[in-house]
Protein backbone atom coordinates (compact mmCIF):
# COMPACT_ATOMS: atom_id res chain seq x y z
CA MET A 1 21.94 6.97 9.17
CA ASN A 2 18.28 6.90 10.26
CA THR A 3 15.99 5.14 8.31
CA GLU A 4 12.49 5.62 7.85
CA LYS A 5 10.30 3.14 9.78
CA LYS A 6 6.80 2.27 8.28
CA GLN A 7 4.17 0.46 10.07
CA LEU A 8 0.56 -1.34 9.51
CA VAL A 9 -1.63 -0.69 12.29
CA LEU A 10 -5.08 -3.18 12.64
CA ASN A 11 -7.34 -2.10 15.16
CA LYS A 12 -9.81 -5.50 15.92
CA GLY A 13 -12.01 -5.44 18.83
CA GLY A 14 -10.40 -4.18 22.30
CA GLU A 15 -6.60 -5.50 20.52
CA LYS A 16 -4.21 -3.22 18.60
CA TYR A 17 -1.71 -5.04 16.02
CA ILE A 18 1.29 -2.75 15.02
CA PHE A 19 3.69 -4.27 12.66
CA ARG A 20 6.74 -1.71 11.93
CA TYR A 21 8.97 -2.63 9.19
CA GLU A 22 11.92 -0.61 6.99
CA PRO A 23 11.20 -0.02 3.50
CA GLY A 24 12.66 -3.05 1.83
CA GLN A 25 11.48 -5.55 4.78
CA GLU A 26 7.95 -6.30 3.43
CA GLY A 27 8.86 -9.81 2.99
CA PRO A 28 9.81 -10.54 6.73
CA LEU A 29 6.70 -8.05 7.23
CA LEU A 30 4.60 -10.59 5.23
CA ASP A 31 6.23 -13.38 6.98
CA ALA A 32 5.26 -12.11 10.56
CA LEU A 33 1.57 -11.53 9.19
CA VAL A 34 1.25 -15.24 8.07
CA ALA A 35 3.02 -16.15 11.78
CA CYS A 36 0.42 -14.44 13.50
CA ALA A 37 -2.70 -15.67 11.43
CA THR A 38 -1.09 -19.01 12.11
CA ASP A 39 -0.43 -18.22 15.87
CA PRO A 40 -3.65 -19.79 18.02
CA ARG A 41 -3.16 -17.87 20.77
CA THR A 42 -4.15 -14.16 18.81
CA ASP A 43 -7.56 -13.39 17.54
CA PHE A 44 -5.54 -12.35 14.47
CA ASP A 45 -6.92 -14.60 11.71
CA TRP A 46 -6.33 -14.93 7.76
CA PHE A 47 -8.76 -11.98 7.27
CA ASP A 48 -6.80 -9.59 8.77
CA ALA A 49 -3.40 -10.60 7.41
CA ALA A 50 -5.23 -10.12 3.70
CA VAL A 51 -6.45 -6.63 4.63
CA LEU A 52 -2.78 -5.56 5.79
CA SER A 53 -1.27 -7.41 2.84
CA PHE A 54 -3.83 -5.52 0.86
CA ARG A 55 -3.14 -2.24 2.64
CA LEU A 56 0.65 -2.89 1.72
CA THR A 57 0.47 -3.78 -1.58
CA GLN A 58 -1.72 -0.41 -2.14
CA SER A 59 1.15 1.67 -0.37
CA LEU A 60 4.02 -0.10 -2.37
CA ILE A 61 1.82 0.70 -5.78
CA GLY A 62 1.72 4.43 -4.61
CA GLN A 63 5.15 4.55 -3.86
CA ALA A 64 6.01 3.29 -7.32
CA ASP A 65 3.79 5.62 -8.96
CA GLN A 66 5.42 8.22 -7.44
CA LEU A 67 8.67 7.04 -8.67
CA LEU A 68 7.60 6.66 -11.70
CA TYR A 69 5.63 9.56 -12.59
CA LYS A 70 7.83 11.94 -10.59
CA ASP A 71 9.60 13.67 -13.50
CA LEU A 72 6.55 13.46 -16.11
CA PRO A 73 5.30 17.10 -17.20
CA LEU A 74 1.20 16.89 -16.37
CA PRO A 75 -0.93 16.16 -19.14
CA MET A 76 -1.94 19.29 -21.34
CA GLN A 77 -4.76 20.33 -23.00
CA THR A 78 -4.41 20.97 -26.86
CA SER A 79 -7.01 22.49 -29.22
CA GLU A 80 -6.59 19.55 -31.59
CA SER A 81 -7.77 17.26 -28.61
CA ASN A 82 -10.52 19.61 -27.57
CA GLU A 83 -11.81 19.57 -31.10
CA ASP A 84 -11.62 15.82 -31.16
CA SER A 85 -13.93 15.34 -28.32
CA GLU A 86 -16.57 17.72 -29.56
CA ASP A 87 -16.97 15.67 -32.53
CA LEU A 88 -17.49 12.55 -30.96
CA GLU A 89 -20.65 14.07 -29.11
């Protein structure tokens, strides 16, 4: 079984931080961000961790939206809704 790997990448100055993870392993990824932010041997700080965790959250929201709305039809414009919008002007 070949599972899809995902990654978050942060370029900071001359350094590049790459965090690879499998779907469903976001918790350990967040733990790794915390570990890097608290490690005095790296220039990776709490702001960097926040940026990557925000990107992770946005990605998860996008995936959830795709799952929730994949089978829904596109909204249709009806003549009734067109008439309502004209009345509001």
